[in-house]
Amino acid sequence: MAQSFDPARYAVLVVEDDALVRAEAVDLCEEAGFVTYEARNAEQAIRQLERHSDIRVLFTDVEMPGTMDGLNLARAVRDRWPPVTIIVTSGRVQVGKDDMPENGLFFAKPYPPRSIIKALNDIAAQIQE
């Protein structure tokens, strides 16, 4: 009998400097059934990734304080943690396919919650395969 997928075995890392937006994104990820970690900037995000091997999704804003923006963070994660799926969001920066790491997803803010949950469910199904 095939084991059913348990998204709680995998985690999403939400990287967003706006506390309210971050809280809403964490709620969405938890609603999709994922364990969720959070970070305010790229430096915190990398520390979380080093600490939690269950992170399989990076959900990051483009604009954030610190030495690295969300796109540079996404590229660093793609190089260092290849199994991590990357979702990038922005309300101001127009992100093209060439700006994104391979297989990355982009959502303009304000993003529809259903679209994020669907993307997370699709990612979960791919992890299961």
N, C-alpha and C. Protein backbone atom coordinates (compact mmCIF):
# COMPACT_ATOMS: atom_id res chain seq x y z
N MET A 1 0.84 -1.18 0.00
CA MET A 1 0.00 0.00 0.00
C MET A 1 0.88 1.24 0.00
N ALA A 2 0.62 2.15 -0.93
CA ALA A 2 1.44 3.37 -1.04
C ALA A 2 1.21 4.27 0.17
N GLN A 3 2.30 4.83 0.65
CA GLN A 3 2.20 5.73 1.79
C GLN A 3 1.70 7.08 1.29
N SER A 4 0.72 7.66 1.99
CA SER A 4 0.20 8.95 1.55
C SER A 4 1.20 10.03 1.92
N PHE A 5 1.22 11.07 1.12
CA PHE A 5 2.15 12.18 1.33
C PHE A 5 1.77 12.97 2.57
N ASP A 6 2.75 13.26 3.37
CA ASP A 6 2.53 14.07 4.57
C ASP A 6 3.36 15.34 4.45
N PRO A 7 2.72 16.47 4.05
CA PRO A 7 3.50 17.70 3.88
C PRO A 7 4.16 18.16 5.17
N ALA A 8 3.66 17.70 6.31
CA ALA A 8 4.26 18.11 7.59
C ALA A 8 5.68 17.55 7.75
N ARG A 9 6.06 16.60 6.90
CA ARG A 9 7.43 16.08 6.94
C ARG A 9 8.39 17.03 6.24
N TYR A 10 7.88 18.01 5.52
CA TYR A 10 8.69 18.96 4.78
C TYR A 10 8.35 20.37 5.25
N ALA A 11 9.28 21.28 5.06
CA ALA A 11 9.06 22.63 5.56
C ALA A 11 9.23 23.67 4.46
N VAL A 12 8.57 24.80 4.71
CA VAL A 12 8.69 25.99 3.86
C VAL A 12 9.42 27.04 4.69
N LEU A 13 10.35 27.74 4.05
CA LEU A 13 11.02 28.87 4.69
C LEU A 13 10.49 30.14 4.04
N VAL A 14 9.79 30.97 4.82
CA VAL A 14 9.24 32.23 4.34
C VAL A 14 10.24 33.34 4.69
N VAL A 15 10.69 34.08 3.66
CA VAL A 15 11.65 35.16 3.87
C VAL A 15 10.98 36.46 3.42
N GLU A 16 10.66 37.31 4.39
CA GLU A 16 9.91 38.54 4.13
C GLU A 16 10.22 39.52 5.25
N ASP A 17 10.60 40.75 4.89
CA ASP A 17 10.95 41.72 5.93
C ASP A 17 9.74 42.40 6.56
N ASP A 18 8.60 42.42 5.88
CA ASP A 18 7.38 43.02 6.43
C ASP A 18 6.69 41.98 7.32
N ALA A 19 6.61 42.29 8.62
CA ALA A 19 6.10 41.31 9.60
C ALA A 19 4.68 40.86 9.29
N LEU A 20 3.81 41.77 8.86
CA LEU A 20 2.42 41.41 8.58
C LEU A 20 2.34 40.49 7.36
N VAL A 21 3.04 40.85 6.30
CA VAL A 21 3.04 40.03 5.09
C VAL A 21 3.66 38.66 5.39
N ARG A 22 4.73 38.65 6.20
CA ARG A 22 5.37 37.39 6.57
C ARG A 22 4.39 36.49 7.34
N ALA A 23 3.66 37.09 8.29
CA ALA A 23 2.70 36.32 9.07
C ALA A 23 1.61 35.72 8.18
N GLU A 24 1.13 36.50 7.21
CA GLU A 24 0.11 35.99 6.28
C GLU A 24 0.67 34.84 5.43
N ALA A 25 1.92 34.97 4.97
CA ALA A 25 2.53 33.92 4.16
C ALA A 25 2.74 32.65 4.99
N VAL A 26 3.16 32.82 6.24
CA VAL A 26 3.33 31.66 7.13
C VAL A 26 1.99 30.95 7.31
N ASP A 27 0.92 31.73 7.52
CA ASP A 27 -0.42 31.14 7.67
C ASP A 27 -0.80 30.33 6.43
N LEU A 28 -0.53 30.87 5.24
CA LEU A 28 -0.85 30.17 4.00
C LEU A 28 -0.11 28.83 3.91
N CYS A 29 1.18 28.86 4.23
CA CYS A 29 1.99 27.65 4.14
C CYS A 29 1.52 26.61 5.15
N GLU A 30 1.17 27.07 6.34
CA GLU A 30 0.67 26.15 7.36
C GLU A 30 -0.69 25.60 6.96
N GLU A 31 -1.51 26.44 6.32
CA GLU A 31 -2.82 25.99 5.83
C GLU A 31 -2.65 24.87 4.80
N ALA A 32 -1.57 24.95 4.01
CA ALA A 32 -1.28 23.91 3.02
C ALA A 32 -0.71 22.66 3.69
N GLY A 33 -0.45 22.73 5.00
CA GLY A 33 -0.01 21.55 5.73
C GLY A 33 1.48 21.46 6.00
N PHE A 34 2.23 22.48 5.61
CA PHE A 34 3.67 22.45 5.77
C PHE A 34 4.11 23.01 7.13
N VAL A 35 5.17 22.43 7.67
CA VAL A 35 5.89 23.07 8.77
C VAL A 35 6.49 24.33 8.17
N THR A 36 6.50 25.43 8.90
CA THR A 36 6.96 26.68 8.31
C THR A 36 7.95 27.38 9.24
N TYR A 37 9.06 27.80 8.66
CA TYR A 37 10.05 28.62 9.35
C TYR A 37 10.01 30.00 8.73
N GLU A 38 10.56 30.99 9.43
CA GLU A 38 10.54 32.33 8.87
C GLU A 38 11.85 33.05 9.10
N ALA A 39 12.11 34.02 8.22
CA ALA A 39 13.31 34.85 8.32
C ALA A 39 12.97 36.24 7.79
N ARG A 40 13.67 37.24 8.32
CA ARG A 40 13.44 38.63 7.88
C ARG A 40 14.35 39.05 6.74
N ASN A 41 15.46 38.31 6.54
CA ASN A 41 16.41 38.69 5.49
C ASN A 41 17.18 37.44 5.04
N ALA A 42 18.03 37.63 4.04
CA ALA A 42 18.76 36.50 3.45
C ALA A 42 19.71 35.84 4.44
N GLU A 43 20.36 36.65 5.26
CA GLU A 43 21.32 36.09 6.22
C GLU A 43 20.59 35.15 7.19
N GLN A 44 19.44 35.57 7.72
CA GLN A 44 18.65 34.71 8.60
C GLN A 44 18.19 33.46 7.84
N ALA A 45 17.81 33.65 6.58
CA ALA A 45 17.32 32.53 5.78
C ALA A 45 18.40 31.45 5.63
N ILE A 46 19.61 31.86 5.35
CA ILE A 46 20.68 30.88 5.17
C ILE A 46 20.94 30.15 6.49
N ARG A 47 20.89 30.86 7.61
CA ARG A 47 21.05 30.19 8.91
C ARG A 47 19.94 29.16 9.13
N GLN A 48 18.71 29.52 8.75
CA GLN A 48 17.59 28.57 8.90
C GLN A 48 17.81 27.34 8.02
N LEU A 49 18.26 27.55 6.79
CA LEU A 49 18.50 26.43 5.88
C LEU A 49 19.60 25.52 6.41
N GLU A 50 20.63 26.11 7.02
CA GLU A 50 21.71 25.30 7.59
C GLU A 50 21.22 24.50 8.80
N ARG A 51 20.27 25.05 9.51
CA ARG A 51 19.77 24.44 10.75
C ARG A 51 18.69 23.39 10.50
N HIS A 52 17.86 23.55 9.44
CA HIS A 52 16.68 22.71 9.24
C HIS A 52 16.75 21.98 7.89
N SER A 53 17.14 20.72 7.92
CA SER A 53 17.29 19.95 6.68
C SER A 53 15.95 19.58 6.06
N ASP A 54 14.83 19.82 6.78
CA ASP A 54 13.51 19.49 6.23
C ASP A 54 12.95 20.58 5.31
N ILE A 55 13.65 21.71 5.18
CA ILE A 55 13.15 22.79 4.30
C ILE A 55 13.27 22.34 2.85
N ARG A 56 12.12 22.31 2.17
CA ARG A 56 12.08 21.92 0.76
C ARG A 56 11.54 23.02 -0.14
N VAL A 57 11.05 24.13 0.47
CA VAL A 57 10.52 25.24 -0.32
C VAL A 57 11.04 26.55 0.28
N LEU A 58 11.59 27.41 -0.58
CA LEU A 58 11.97 28.77 -0.21
C LEU A 58 10.90 29.69 -0.80
N PHE A 59 10.26 30.48 0.07
CA PHE A 59 9.21 31.41 -0.34
C PHE A 59 9.71 32.79 0.03
N THR A 60 10.29 33.53 -0.94
CA THR A 60 11.00 34.77 -0.61
C THR A 60 10.51 35.98 -1.38
N ASP A 61 10.51 37.11 -0.69
CA ASP A 61 10.28 38.41 -1.31
C ASP A 61 11.58 38.81 -2.01
N VAL A 62 11.49 39.69 -3.02
CA VAL A 62 12.70 40.16 -3.70
C VAL A 62 13.39 41.24 -2.87
N GLU A 63 12.63 42.26 -2.47
CA GLU A 63 13.24 43.40 -1.79
C GLU A 63 13.29 43.15 -0.29
N MET A 64 14.50 43.24 0.26
CA MET A 64 14.67 43.07 1.71
C MET A 64 15.99 43.73 2.11
N PRO A 65 16.08 44.11 3.38
CA PRO A 65 17.33 44.72 3.85
C PRO A 65 18.44 43.69 3.93
N GLY A 66 19.67 44.17 3.95
CA GLY A 66 20.81 43.27 4.07
C GLY A 66 21.65 43.25 2.82
N THR A 67 22.58 42.34 2.78
CA THR A 67 23.56 42.29 1.69
C THR A 67 23.05 41.55 0.46
N MET A 68 21.93 40.85 0.58
CA MET A 68 21.45 40.01 -0.51
C MET A 68 19.95 40.20 -0.69
N ASP A 69 19.51 40.43 -1.93
CA ASP A 69 18.06 40.50 -2.15
C ASP A 69 17.52 39.09 -2.37
N GLY A 70 16.20 39.00 -2.57
CA GLY A 70 15.56 37.69 -2.71
C GLY A 70 16.01 36.91 -3.93
N LEU A 71 16.32 37.61 -5.03
CA LEU A 71 16.77 36.89 -6.23
C LEU A 71 18.17 36.31 -6.03
N ASN A 72 19.05 37.08 -5.38
CA ASN A 72 20.38 36.55 -5.08
C ASN A 72 20.29 35.40 -4.09
N LEU A 73 19.38 35.52 -3.11
CA LEU A 73 19.16 34.43 -2.16
C LEU A 73 18.68 33.19 -2.91
N ALA A 74 17.73 33.38 -3.83
CA ALA A 74 17.19 32.25 -4.60
C ALA A 74 18.30 31.54 -5.38
N ARG A 75 19.19 32.31 -6.00
CA ARG A 75 20.30 31.70 -6.75
C ARG A 75 21.25 30.97 -5.81
N ALA A 76 21.53 31.55 -4.65
CA ALA A 76 22.43 30.91 -3.67
C ALA A 76 21.82 29.60 -3.18
N VAL A 77 20.52 29.62 -2.92
CA VAL A 77 19.84 28.40 -2.46
C VAL A 77 19.85 27.35 -3.56
N ARG A 78 19.61 27.76 -4.80
CA ARG A 78 19.63 26.81 -5.92
C ARG A 78 20.99 26.13 -6.02
N ASP A 79 22.06 26.89 -5.83
CA ASP A 79 23.42 26.32 -5.94
C ASP A 79 23.74 25.41 -4.76
N ARG A 80 23.36 25.82 -3.54
CA ARG A 80 23.79 25.10 -2.34
C ARG A 80 22.80 24.01 -1.89
N TRP A 81 21.51 24.24 -2.15
CA TRP A 81 20.48 23.28 -1.76
C TRP A 81 19.60 22.97 -2.98
N PRO A 82 20.11 22.24 -3.96
CA PRO A 82 19.36 22.01 -5.22
C PRO A 82 17.96 21.43 -5.06
N PRO A 83 17.67 20.59 -4.04
CA PRO A 83 16.31 20.04 -3.96
C PRO A 83 15.25 21.06 -3.53
N VAL A 84 15.67 22.22 -3.05
CA VAL A 84 14.71 23.21 -2.56
C VAL A 84 14.02 23.89 -3.74
N THR A 85 12.69 23.87 -3.72
CA THR A 85 11.89 24.57 -4.73
C THR A 85 11.78 26.03 -4.33
N ILE A 86 11.83 26.94 -5.31
CA ILE A 86 11.89 28.36 -5.00
C ILE A 86 10.67 29.09 -5.53
N ILE A 87 10.03 29.85 -4.63
CA ILE A 87 8.93 30.74 -4.98
C ILE A 87 9.38 32.15 -4.63
N VAL A 88 9.32 33.06 -5.61
CA VAL A 88 9.73 34.45 -5.42
C VAL A 88 8.50 35.34 -5.58
N THR A 89 8.39 36.35 -4.71
CA THR A 89 7.28 37.30 -4.81
C THR A 89 7.83 38.73 -4.79
N SER A 90 7.07 39.64 -5.40
CA SER A 90 7.43 41.06 -5.32
C SER A 90 6.23 41.92 -5.68
N GLY A 91 6.14 43.03 -4.99
CA GLY A 91 5.10 43.99 -5.31
C GLY A 91 5.60 45.11 -6.20
N ARG A 92 6.92 45.28 -6.28
CA ARG A 92 7.49 46.39 -7.05
C ARG A 92 8.42 45.96 -8.17
N VAL A 93 9.17 44.91 -7.94
CA VAL A 93 10.16 44.49 -8.93
C VAL A 93 9.51 43.55 -9.94
N GLN A 94 9.70 43.86 -11.22
CA GLN A 94 9.21 42.99 -12.28
C GLN A 94 10.26 41.91 -12.51
N VAL A 95 9.91 40.67 -12.26
CA VAL A 95 10.86 39.58 -12.35
C VAL A 95 10.56 38.76 -13.60
N GLY A 96 11.55 38.67 -14.47
CA GLY A 96 11.40 37.88 -15.69
C GLY A 96 11.93 36.47 -15.50
N LYS A 97 11.62 35.60 -16.44
CA LYS A 97 12.05 34.20 -16.36
C LYS A 97 13.58 34.11 -16.27
N ASP A 98 14.29 35.00 -16.97
CA ASP A 98 15.75 34.97 -16.96
C ASP A 98 16.33 35.37 -15.60
N ASP A 99 15.54 36.10 -14.79
CA ASP A 99 16.00 36.51 -13.46
C ASP A 99 15.88 35.39 -12.44
N MET A 100 15.05 34.41 -12.76
CA MET A 100 14.72 33.35 -11.79
C MET A 100 15.67 32.16 -11.93
N PRO A 101 15.92 31.47 -10.80
CA PRO A 101 16.66 30.22 -10.91
C PRO A 101 15.79 29.18 -11.61
N GLU A 102 16.42 28.15 -12.13
CA GLU A 102 15.72 27.09 -12.85
C GLU A 102 14.58 26.52 -12.01
N ASN A 103 13.43 26.36 -12.66
CA ASN A 103 12.21 25.81 -12.04
C ASN A 103 11.62 26.69 -10.93
N GLY A 104 12.07 27.93 -10.82
CA GLY A 104 11.51 28.83 -9.82
C GLY A 104 10.15 29.35 -10.27
N LEU A 105 9.32 29.71 -9.30
CA LEU A 105 8.00 30.27 -9.57
C LEU A 105 7.98 31.72 -9.10
N PHE A 106 7.28 32.59 -9.85
CA PHE A 106 7.16 33.99 -9.45
C PHE A 106 5.69 34.35 -9.29
N PHE A 107 5.38 35.07 -8.20
CA PHE A 107 4.04 35.61 -7.96
C PHE A 107 4.16 37.09 -7.65
N ALA A 108 3.42 37.92 -8.40
CA ALA A 108 3.38 39.35 -8.11
C ALA A 108 2.49 39.57 -6.89
N LYS A 109 2.88 40.54 -6.05
CA LYS A 109 2.05 40.91 -4.90
C LYS A 109 1.04 41.95 -5.35
N PRO A 110 -0.13 41.97 -4.80
CA PRO A 110 -0.62 40.99 -3.84
C PRO A 110 -0.97 39.69 -4.55
N TYR A 111 -0.44 38.60 -4.06
CA TYR A 111 -0.67 37.31 -4.71
C TYR A 111 -1.96 36.70 -4.18
N PRO A 112 -2.70 36.00 -5.06
CA PRO A 112 -3.93 35.33 -4.61
C PRO A 112 -3.57 34.14 -3.72
N PRO A 113 -4.08 34.09 -2.49
CA PRO A 113 -3.76 32.99 -1.59
C PRO A 113 -3.99 31.61 -2.21
N ARG A 114 -5.06 31.46 -2.97
CA ARG A 114 -5.34 30.15 -3.58
C ARG A 114 -4.23 29.71 -4.53
N SER A 115 -3.64 30.69 -5.23
CA SER A 115 -2.54 30.36 -6.15
C SER A 115 -1.32 29.85 -5.40
N ILE A 116 -1.03 30.46 -4.25
CA ILE A 116 0.11 30.02 -3.45
C ILE A 116 -0.15 28.61 -2.90
N ILE A 117 -1.35 28.39 -2.38
CA ILE A 117 -1.69 27.07 -1.83
C ILE A 117 -1.63 26.01 -2.93
N LYS A 118 -2.13 26.34 -4.14
CA LYS A 118 -2.06 25.39 -5.25
C LYS A 118 -0.60 25.09 -5.60
N ALA A 119 0.23 26.13 -5.66
CA ALA A 119 1.65 25.92 -5.98
C ALA A 119 2.30 25.03 -4.92
N LEU A 120 1.99 25.27 -3.65
CA LEU A 120 2.56 24.45 -2.57
C LEU A 120 2.09 23.00 -2.67
N ASN A 121 0.81 22.82 -3.00
CA ASN A 121 0.28 21.46 -3.17
C ASN A 121 0.95 20.76 -4.35
N ASP A 122 1.18 21.51 -5.44
CA ASP A 122 1.86 20.94 -6.61
C ASP A 122 3.29 20.54 -6.25
N ILE A 123 3.96 21.41 -5.49
CA ILE A 123 5.33 21.11 -5.06
C ILE A 123 5.33 19.87 -4.19
N ALA A 124 4.37 19.80 -3.27
CA ALA A 124 4.26 18.64 -2.37
C ALA A 124 4.10 17.36 -3.17
N ALA A 125 3.28 17.41 -4.21
CA ALA A 125 3.06 16.22 -5.05
C ALA A 125 4.35 15.81 -5.75
N GLN A 126 5.15 16.80 -6.19
CA GLN A 126 6.42 16.49 -6.85
C GLN A 126 7.43 15.91 -5.86
N ILE A 127 7.44 16.41 -4.63
CA ILE A 127 8.36 15.88 -3.61
C ILE A 127 8.03 14.42 -3.36
N GLN A 128 6.73 14.11 -3.39
CA GLN A 128 6.26 12.76 -3.09
C GLN A 128 6.72 11.76 -4.15
N GLU A 129 6.82 12.20 -5.40
CA GLU A 129 7.12 11.28 -6.51
C GLU A 129 8.48 10.65 -6.38
